Amino acid sequence: MSEPGRCEVRITRRLPAKREEVWAALTDPEAMSRWLDPCCETGFAEGAEVELRGRDGEPVTARVRELQPGRLLELDWETGGDVSVVRFELSGAGDETTLVLDHRRIDARVGMAYAAAWERAVKRLLGSVER
């Protein structure tokens, strides 16, 4: 059940890449710079806090809530004093990976902007792992 004034964005995509390659794109600073944010200097680790830029260059503090290497990365996503939750789940085997990106607890007033921003980011992610 959704909280009043909050919404969720969920994107599911099949990517033509091995799960390890997609995981690296999600967590390696150099790989992340090709699709998410060129200012990130550290990768994600259990309990880590990473500073990123969000929509319109807005600063984002991403704190690791849960980390299961190669499978799951869940973050507290704090921007402008508002905290939401971003979750990346990977599944599949061989040369194809299914990515489920779930961003929940978004302030409903900016939900559509987040949906559009994540769609663009996932397209860049796809381009960064395509062969």
N, C-alpha and C. Protein backbone atom coordinates (compact mmCIF):
# COMPACT_ATOMS: atom_id res chain seq x y z
N MET A 1 0.83 -1.17 0.00
CA MET A 1 0.00 0.00 0.00
C MET A 1 0.89 1.24 0.00
N SER A 2 0.53 2.18 -0.83
CA SER A 2 1.29 3.41 -0.99
C SER A 2 0.99 4.41 0.12
N GLU A 3 2.01 5.17 0.51
CA GLU A 3 1.82 6.21 1.51
C GLU A 3 1.17 7.42 0.85
N PRO A 4 0.33 8.15 1.56
CA PRO A 4 -0.26 9.36 1.00
C PRO A 4 0.82 10.34 0.56
N GLY A 5 0.66 10.91 -0.63
CA GLY A 5 1.61 11.87 -1.14
C GLY A 5 2.89 11.28 -1.68
N ARG A 6 2.95 9.95 -1.75
CA ARG A 6 4.14 9.25 -2.25
C ARG A 6 3.77 8.39 -3.44
N CYS A 7 4.75 8.11 -4.29
CA CYS A 7 4.53 7.23 -5.44
C CYS A 7 5.77 6.38 -5.65
N GLU A 8 5.71 5.54 -6.67
CA GLU A 8 6.78 4.58 -6.96
C GLU A 8 7.02 4.52 -8.46
N VAL A 9 8.27 4.32 -8.85
CA VAL A 9 8.65 4.10 -10.24
C VAL A 9 9.27 2.71 -10.30
N ARG A 10 8.80 1.90 -11.23
CA ARG A 10 9.37 0.55 -11.40
C ARG A 10 9.67 0.35 -12.88
N ILE A 11 10.90 -0.04 -13.16
CA ILE A 11 11.34 -0.28 -14.53
C ILE A 11 11.97 -1.66 -14.58
N THR A 12 11.54 -2.47 -15.53
CA THR A 12 12.11 -3.80 -15.74
C THR A 12 12.65 -3.87 -17.16
N ARG A 13 13.91 -4.28 -17.30
CA ARG A 13 14.53 -4.39 -18.62
C ARG A 13 15.39 -5.63 -18.69
N ARG A 14 15.41 -6.24 -19.87
CA ARG A 14 16.36 -7.32 -20.16
C ARG A 14 17.56 -6.68 -20.83
N LEU A 15 18.72 -6.97 -20.31
CA LEU A 15 19.95 -6.38 -20.83
C LEU A 15 20.80 -7.47 -21.47
N PRO A 16 21.38 -7.20 -22.64
CA PRO A 16 22.20 -8.20 -23.33
C PRO A 16 23.62 -8.24 -22.77
N ALA A 17 23.72 -8.57 -21.48
CA ALA A 17 25.03 -8.60 -20.81
C ALA A 17 24.97 -9.57 -19.65
N LYS A 18 26.14 -10.08 -19.29
CA LYS A 18 26.22 -10.97 -18.14
C LYS A 18 25.93 -10.19 -16.87
N ARG A 19 25.43 -10.90 -15.88
CA ARG A 19 25.06 -10.27 -14.62
C ARG A 19 26.25 -9.55 -13.98
N GLU A 20 27.45 -10.12 -14.08
CA GLU A 20 28.64 -9.49 -13.50
C GLU A 20 28.91 -8.14 -14.17
N GLU A 21 28.66 -8.06 -15.47
CA GLU A 21 28.88 -6.80 -16.20
C GLU A 21 27.88 -5.73 -15.76
N VAL A 22 26.64 -6.14 -15.60
CA VAL A 22 25.61 -5.18 -15.16
C VAL A 22 25.89 -4.75 -13.72
N TRP A 23 26.29 -5.70 -12.87
CA TRP A 23 26.62 -5.36 -11.48
C TRP A 23 27.76 -4.33 -11.45
N ALA A 24 28.78 -4.55 -12.26
CA ALA A 24 29.89 -3.59 -12.31
C ALA A 24 29.40 -2.22 -12.75
N ALA A 25 28.50 -2.18 -13.72
CA ALA A 25 27.95 -0.90 -14.18
C ALA A 25 27.19 -0.18 -13.06
N LEU A 26 26.58 -0.96 -12.17
CA LEU A 26 25.82 -0.37 -11.06
C LEU A 26 26.70 0.09 -9.91
N THR A 27 27.86 -0.50 -9.74
CA THR A 27 28.63 -0.27 -8.51
C THR A 27 30.06 0.23 -8.70
N ASP A 28 30.64 0.10 -9.86
CA ASP A 28 32.00 0.55 -10.10
C ASP A 28 31.99 2.03 -10.51
N PRO A 29 32.75 2.89 -9.82
CA PRO A 29 32.69 4.33 -10.10
C PRO A 29 32.95 4.68 -11.57
N GLU A 30 33.95 4.06 -12.18
CA GLU A 30 34.24 4.38 -13.58
C GLU A 30 33.08 3.96 -14.49
N ALA A 31 32.55 2.76 -14.27
CA ALA A 31 31.42 2.29 -15.08
C ALA A 31 30.17 3.14 -14.82
N MET A 32 29.95 3.53 -13.57
CA MET A 32 28.78 4.37 -13.24
C MET A 32 28.82 5.70 -13.97
N SER A 33 30.03 6.22 -14.18
CA SER A 33 30.16 7.52 -14.83
C SER A 33 29.64 7.50 -16.26
N ARG A 34 29.54 6.32 -16.86
CA ARG A 34 29.06 6.21 -18.24
C ARG A 34 27.54 6.27 -18.33
N TRP A 35 26.83 6.09 -17.19
CA TRP A 35 25.37 6.08 -17.30
C TRP A 35 24.65 6.86 -16.20
N LEU A 36 25.28 7.04 -15.04
CA LEU A 36 24.56 7.67 -13.95
C LEU A 36 25.13 9.02 -13.56
N ASP A 37 26.37 9.04 -13.10
CA ASP A 37 26.91 10.26 -12.53
C ASP A 37 28.42 10.28 -12.61
N PRO A 38 28.98 11.24 -13.34
CA PRO A 38 30.43 11.29 -13.47
C PRO A 38 31.16 11.79 -12.22
N CYS A 39 30.44 12.24 -11.19
CA CYS A 39 31.14 12.79 -10.02
C CYS A 39 31.39 11.76 -8.93
N CYS A 40 30.85 10.57 -9.10
CA CYS A 40 31.00 9.55 -8.06
C CYS A 40 32.44 9.04 -8.04
N GLU A 41 33.07 9.05 -6.85
CA GLU A 41 34.47 8.64 -6.75
C GLU A 41 34.64 7.30 -6.03
N THR A 42 33.62 6.83 -5.35
CA THR A 42 33.75 5.57 -4.62
C THR A 42 32.62 4.64 -5.03
N GLY A 43 32.91 3.35 -5.00
CA GLY A 43 31.88 2.37 -5.31
C GLY A 43 31.02 2.09 -4.10
N PHE A 44 30.04 1.26 -4.29
CA PHE A 44 29.11 0.93 -3.23
C PHE A 44 29.61 -0.27 -2.44
N ALA A 45 29.51 -0.18 -1.13
CA ALA A 45 29.86 -1.27 -0.22
C ALA A 45 28.88 -1.22 0.94
N GLU A 46 28.75 -2.31 1.66
CA GLU A 46 27.84 -2.38 2.80
C GLU A 46 28.07 -1.18 3.73
N GLY A 47 27.01 -0.43 4.00
CA GLY A 47 27.07 0.72 4.91
C GLY A 47 27.67 1.98 4.31
N ALA A 48 28.08 1.95 3.06
CA ALA A 48 28.73 3.11 2.44
C ALA A 48 27.74 4.24 2.19
N GLU A 49 28.29 5.43 2.10
CA GLU A 49 27.53 6.61 1.73
C GLU A 49 28.24 7.22 0.53
N VAL A 50 27.49 7.44 -0.55
CA VAL A 50 28.07 7.93 -1.79
C VAL A 50 27.35 9.20 -2.18
N GLU A 51 28.11 10.22 -2.54
CA GLU A 51 27.53 11.47 -3.00
C GLU A 51 27.41 11.44 -4.52
N LEU A 52 26.22 11.73 -5.01
CA LEU A 52 25.94 11.76 -6.44
C LEU A 52 25.25 13.07 -6.78
N ARG A 53 24.96 13.23 -8.07
CA ARG A 53 24.11 14.34 -8.51
C ARG A 53 22.83 13.72 -9.05
N GLY A 54 21.72 14.27 -8.65
CA GLY A 54 20.44 13.76 -9.11
C GLY A 54 19.87 14.62 -10.22
N ARG A 55 18.55 14.64 -10.29
CA ARG A 55 17.86 15.44 -11.30
C ARG A 55 18.37 16.88 -11.25
N ASP A 56 18.59 17.46 -12.41
CA ASP A 56 18.99 18.87 -12.53
C ASP A 56 20.25 19.21 -11.73
N GLY A 57 21.16 18.25 -11.56
CA GLY A 57 22.39 18.50 -10.84
C GLY A 57 22.25 18.58 -9.34
N GLU A 58 21.05 18.25 -8.86
CA GLU A 58 20.77 18.30 -7.42
C GLU A 58 21.60 17.24 -6.69
N PRO A 59 22.26 17.61 -5.55
CA PRO A 59 23.05 16.61 -4.83
C PRO A 59 22.18 15.50 -4.24
N VAL A 60 22.68 14.28 -4.32
CA VAL A 60 22.02 13.11 -3.77
C VAL A 60 23.00 12.38 -2.86
N THR A 61 22.55 12.01 -1.68
CA THR A 61 23.34 11.14 -0.81
C THR A 61 22.70 9.76 -0.88
N ALA A 62 23.45 8.79 -1.37
CA ALA A 62 22.97 7.41 -1.48
C ALA A 62 23.64 6.59 -0.38
N ARG A 63 22.84 6.05 0.53
CA ARG A 63 23.36 5.21 1.62
C ARG A 63 22.93 3.78 1.37
N VAL A 64 23.89 2.86 1.46
CA VAL A 64 23.59 1.45 1.17
C VAL A 64 22.78 0.86 2.32
N ARG A 65 21.56 0.43 2.00
CA ARG A 65 20.68 -0.25 2.95
C ARG A 65 20.92 -1.75 2.94
N GLU A 66 21.06 -2.28 1.72
CA GLU A 66 21.24 -3.73 1.55
C GLU A 66 22.11 -3.96 0.33
N LEU A 67 23.01 -4.93 0.45
CA LEU A 67 23.93 -5.24 -0.62
C LEU A 67 24.13 -6.75 -0.68
N GLN A 68 23.78 -7.32 -1.82
CA GLN A 68 24.05 -8.73 -2.10
C GLN A 68 24.77 -8.75 -3.44
N PRO A 69 26.11 -8.79 -3.43
CA PRO A 69 26.88 -8.65 -4.66
C PRO A 69 26.37 -9.52 -5.80
N GLY A 70 26.26 -8.86 -6.96
CA GLY A 70 25.79 -9.54 -8.16
C GLY A 70 24.29 -9.71 -8.24
N ARG A 71 23.57 -9.32 -7.20
CA ARG A 71 22.14 -9.58 -7.16
C ARG A 71 21.29 -8.39 -6.73
N LEU A 72 21.69 -7.66 -5.68
CA LEU A 72 20.80 -6.67 -5.09
C LEU A 72 21.59 -5.49 -4.52
N LEU A 73 21.12 -4.29 -4.83
CA LEU A 73 21.65 -3.07 -4.25
C LEU A 73 20.46 -2.20 -3.88
N GLU A 74 20.31 -1.89 -2.59
CA GLU A 74 19.21 -1.04 -2.14
C GLU A 74 19.80 0.16 -1.40
N LEU A 75 19.30 1.34 -1.73
CA LEU A 75 19.86 2.58 -1.24
C LEU A 75 18.80 3.49 -0.64
N ASP A 76 19.14 4.18 0.45
CA ASP A 76 18.38 5.35 0.84
C ASP A 76 18.84 6.45 -0.11
N TRP A 77 17.90 7.15 -0.71
CA TRP A 77 18.19 8.14 -1.74
C TRP A 77 17.72 9.48 -1.20
N GLU A 78 18.65 10.26 -0.68
CA GLU A 78 18.28 11.51 -0.02
C GLU A 78 18.65 12.71 -0.90
N THR A 79 17.66 13.51 -1.17
CA THR A 79 17.87 14.73 -1.95
C THR A 79 16.96 15.82 -1.42
N GLY A 80 17.52 16.98 -1.18
CA GLY A 80 16.73 18.10 -0.68
C GLY A 80 16.02 17.82 0.63
N GLY A 81 16.59 16.97 1.47
CA GLY A 81 15.99 16.64 2.75
C GLY A 81 14.92 15.56 2.69
N ASP A 82 14.59 15.10 1.47
CA ASP A 82 13.59 14.05 1.31
C ASP A 82 14.30 12.72 1.08
N VAL A 83 13.85 11.67 1.76
CA VAL A 83 14.49 10.35 1.61
C VAL A 83 13.51 9.38 0.96
N SER A 84 13.96 8.77 -0.13
CA SER A 84 13.21 7.71 -0.79
C SER A 84 14.13 6.49 -0.84
N VAL A 85 13.68 5.42 -1.48
CA VAL A 85 14.46 4.17 -1.52
C VAL A 85 14.58 3.72 -2.98
N VAL A 86 15.82 3.46 -3.40
CA VAL A 86 16.09 2.95 -4.75
C VAL A 86 16.64 1.53 -4.60
N ARG A 87 16.07 0.62 -5.37
CA ARG A 87 16.47 -0.80 -5.31
C ARG A 87 16.74 -1.30 -6.73
N PHE A 88 17.91 -1.89 -6.92
CA PHE A 88 18.28 -2.54 -8.17
C PHE A 88 18.37 -4.03 -7.90
N GLU A 89 17.60 -4.83 -8.64
CA GLU A 89 17.67 -6.29 -8.52
C GLU A 89 18.07 -6.87 -9.86
N LEU A 90 19.01 -7.81 -9.83
CA LEU A 90 19.47 -8.48 -11.04
C LEU A 90 19.16 -9.96 -10.96
N SER A 91 18.74 -10.53 -12.08
CA SER A 91 18.54 -11.97 -12.18
C SER A 91 18.91 -12.40 -13.58
N GLY A 92 18.98 -13.70 -13.78
CA GLY A 92 19.30 -14.23 -15.09
C GLY A 92 20.64 -14.95 -15.07
N ALA A 93 20.90 -15.58 -16.18
CA ALA A 93 22.14 -16.33 -16.33
C ALA A 93 22.62 -16.20 -17.76
N GLY A 94 23.86 -16.56 -17.97
CA GLY A 94 24.40 -16.50 -19.32
C GLY A 94 24.63 -15.06 -19.76
N ASP A 95 24.30 -14.79 -21.01
CA ASP A 95 24.57 -13.49 -21.61
C ASP A 95 23.40 -12.51 -21.52
N GLU A 96 22.44 -12.78 -20.65
CA GLU A 96 21.29 -11.88 -20.53
C GLU A 96 20.96 -11.70 -19.05
N THR A 97 20.67 -10.45 -18.68
CA THR A 97 20.36 -10.12 -17.30
C THR A 97 19.06 -9.32 -17.26
N THR A 98 18.22 -9.65 -16.31
CA THR A 98 17.01 -8.86 -16.08
C THR A 98 17.29 -7.90 -14.93
N LEU A 99 17.06 -6.63 -15.20
CA LEU A 99 17.21 -5.58 -14.20
C LEU A 99 15.83 -5.10 -13.79
N VAL A 100 15.59 -5.04 -12.49
CA VAL A 100 14.39 -4.42 -11.97
C VAL A 100 14.86 -3.25 -11.11
N LEU A 101 14.48 -2.05 -11.52
CA LEU A 101 14.78 -0.84 -10.77
C LEU A 101 13.48 -0.39 -10.12
N ASP A 102 13.50 -0.28 -8.82
CA ASP A 102 12.30 0.12 -8.08
C ASP A 102 12.67 1.32 -7.21
N HIS A 103 12.07 2.46 -7.49
CA HIS A 103 12.30 3.66 -6.68
C HIS A 103 10.97 3.98 -6.00
N ARG A 104 10.95 3.84 -4.67
CA ARG A 104 9.71 4.01 -3.93
C ARG A 104 9.83 5.13 -2.90
N ARG A 105 8.68 5.51 -2.36
CA ARG A 105 8.59 6.60 -1.39
C ARG A 105 8.98 7.94 -2.01
N ILE A 106 8.72 8.11 -3.31
CA ILE A 106 9.01 9.37 -3.99
C ILE A 106 7.90 10.37 -3.68
N ASP A 107 8.27 11.60 -3.43
CA ASP A 107 7.29 12.67 -3.28
C ASP A 107 6.48 12.71 -4.58
N ALA A 108 5.19 12.53 -4.49
CA ALA A 108 4.33 12.42 -5.68
C ALA A 108 4.41 13.66 -6.57
N ARG A 109 4.77 14.80 -6.01
CA ARG A 109 4.87 16.03 -6.82
C ARG A 109 6.00 15.95 -7.83
N VAL A 110 6.99 15.08 -7.60
CA VAL A 110 8.12 14.96 -8.53
C VAL A 110 8.23 13.56 -9.12
N GLY A 111 7.21 12.76 -8.94
CA GLY A 111 7.23 11.38 -9.41
C GLY A 111 7.44 11.24 -10.90
N MET A 112 6.75 12.04 -11.69
CA MET A 112 6.89 11.95 -13.15
C MET A 112 8.30 12.35 -13.60
N ALA A 113 8.88 13.32 -12.93
CA ALA A 113 10.25 13.73 -13.26
C ALA A 113 11.22 12.59 -12.96
N TYR A 114 11.02 11.91 -11.83
CA TYR A 114 11.88 10.76 -11.52
C TYR A 114 11.68 9.65 -12.55
N ALA A 115 10.45 9.39 -12.93
CA ALA A 115 10.19 8.33 -13.92
C ALA A 115 10.94 8.62 -15.21
N ALA A 116 10.86 9.85 -15.69
CA ALA A 116 11.56 10.22 -16.93
C ALA A 116 13.07 10.13 -16.76
N ALA A 117 13.58 10.60 -15.61
CA ALA A 117 15.03 10.57 -15.37
C ALA A 117 15.55 9.14 -15.32
N TRP A 118 14.81 8.24 -14.64
CA TRP A 118 15.25 6.84 -14.57
C TRP A 118 15.16 6.16 -15.93
N GLU A 119 14.16 6.49 -16.73
CA GLU A 119 14.08 5.91 -18.09
C GLU A 119 15.32 6.31 -18.90
N ARG A 120 15.71 7.58 -18.82
CA ARG A 120 16.91 8.02 -19.54
C ARG A 120 18.16 7.32 -19.00
N ALA A 121 18.25 7.20 -17.67
CA ALA A 121 19.42 6.55 -17.07
C ALA A 121 19.51 5.08 -17.47
N VAL A 122 18.38 4.38 -17.49
CA VAL A 122 18.39 2.96 -17.88
C VAL A 122 18.79 2.81 -19.35
N LYS A 123 18.38 3.74 -20.20
CA LYS A 123 18.82 3.69 -21.61
C LYS A 123 20.33 3.87 -21.70
N ARG A 124 20.89 4.78 -20.92
CA ARG A 124 22.34 4.96 -20.91
C ARG A 124 23.02 3.71 -20.34
N LEU A 125 22.44 3.11 -19.31
CA LEU A 125 22.98 1.87 -18.75
C LEU A 125 23.00 0.78 -19.81
N LEU A 126 21.91 0.63 -20.53
CA LEU A 126 21.83 -0.36 -21.60
C LEU A 126 22.94 -0.12 -22.62
N GLY A 127 23.13 1.13 -23.01
CA GLY A 127 24.20 1.46 -23.96
C GLY A 127 25.58 1.16 -23.42
N SER A 128 25.76 1.27 -22.12
CA SER A 128 27.09 1.04 -21.53
C SER A 128 27.45 -0.43 -21.41
N VAL A 129 26.45 -1.33 -21.44
CA VAL A 129 26.74 -2.76 -21.33
C VAL A 129 26.50 -3.54 -22.62
N GLU A 130 25.95 -2.87 -23.65
CA GLU A 130 25.70 -3.56 -24.92
C GLU A 130 27.00 -3.95 -25.58
N ARG A 131 26.97 -5.05 -26.28
CA ARG A 131 28.16 -5.54 -26.99
C ARG A 131 28.15 -5.04 -28.40
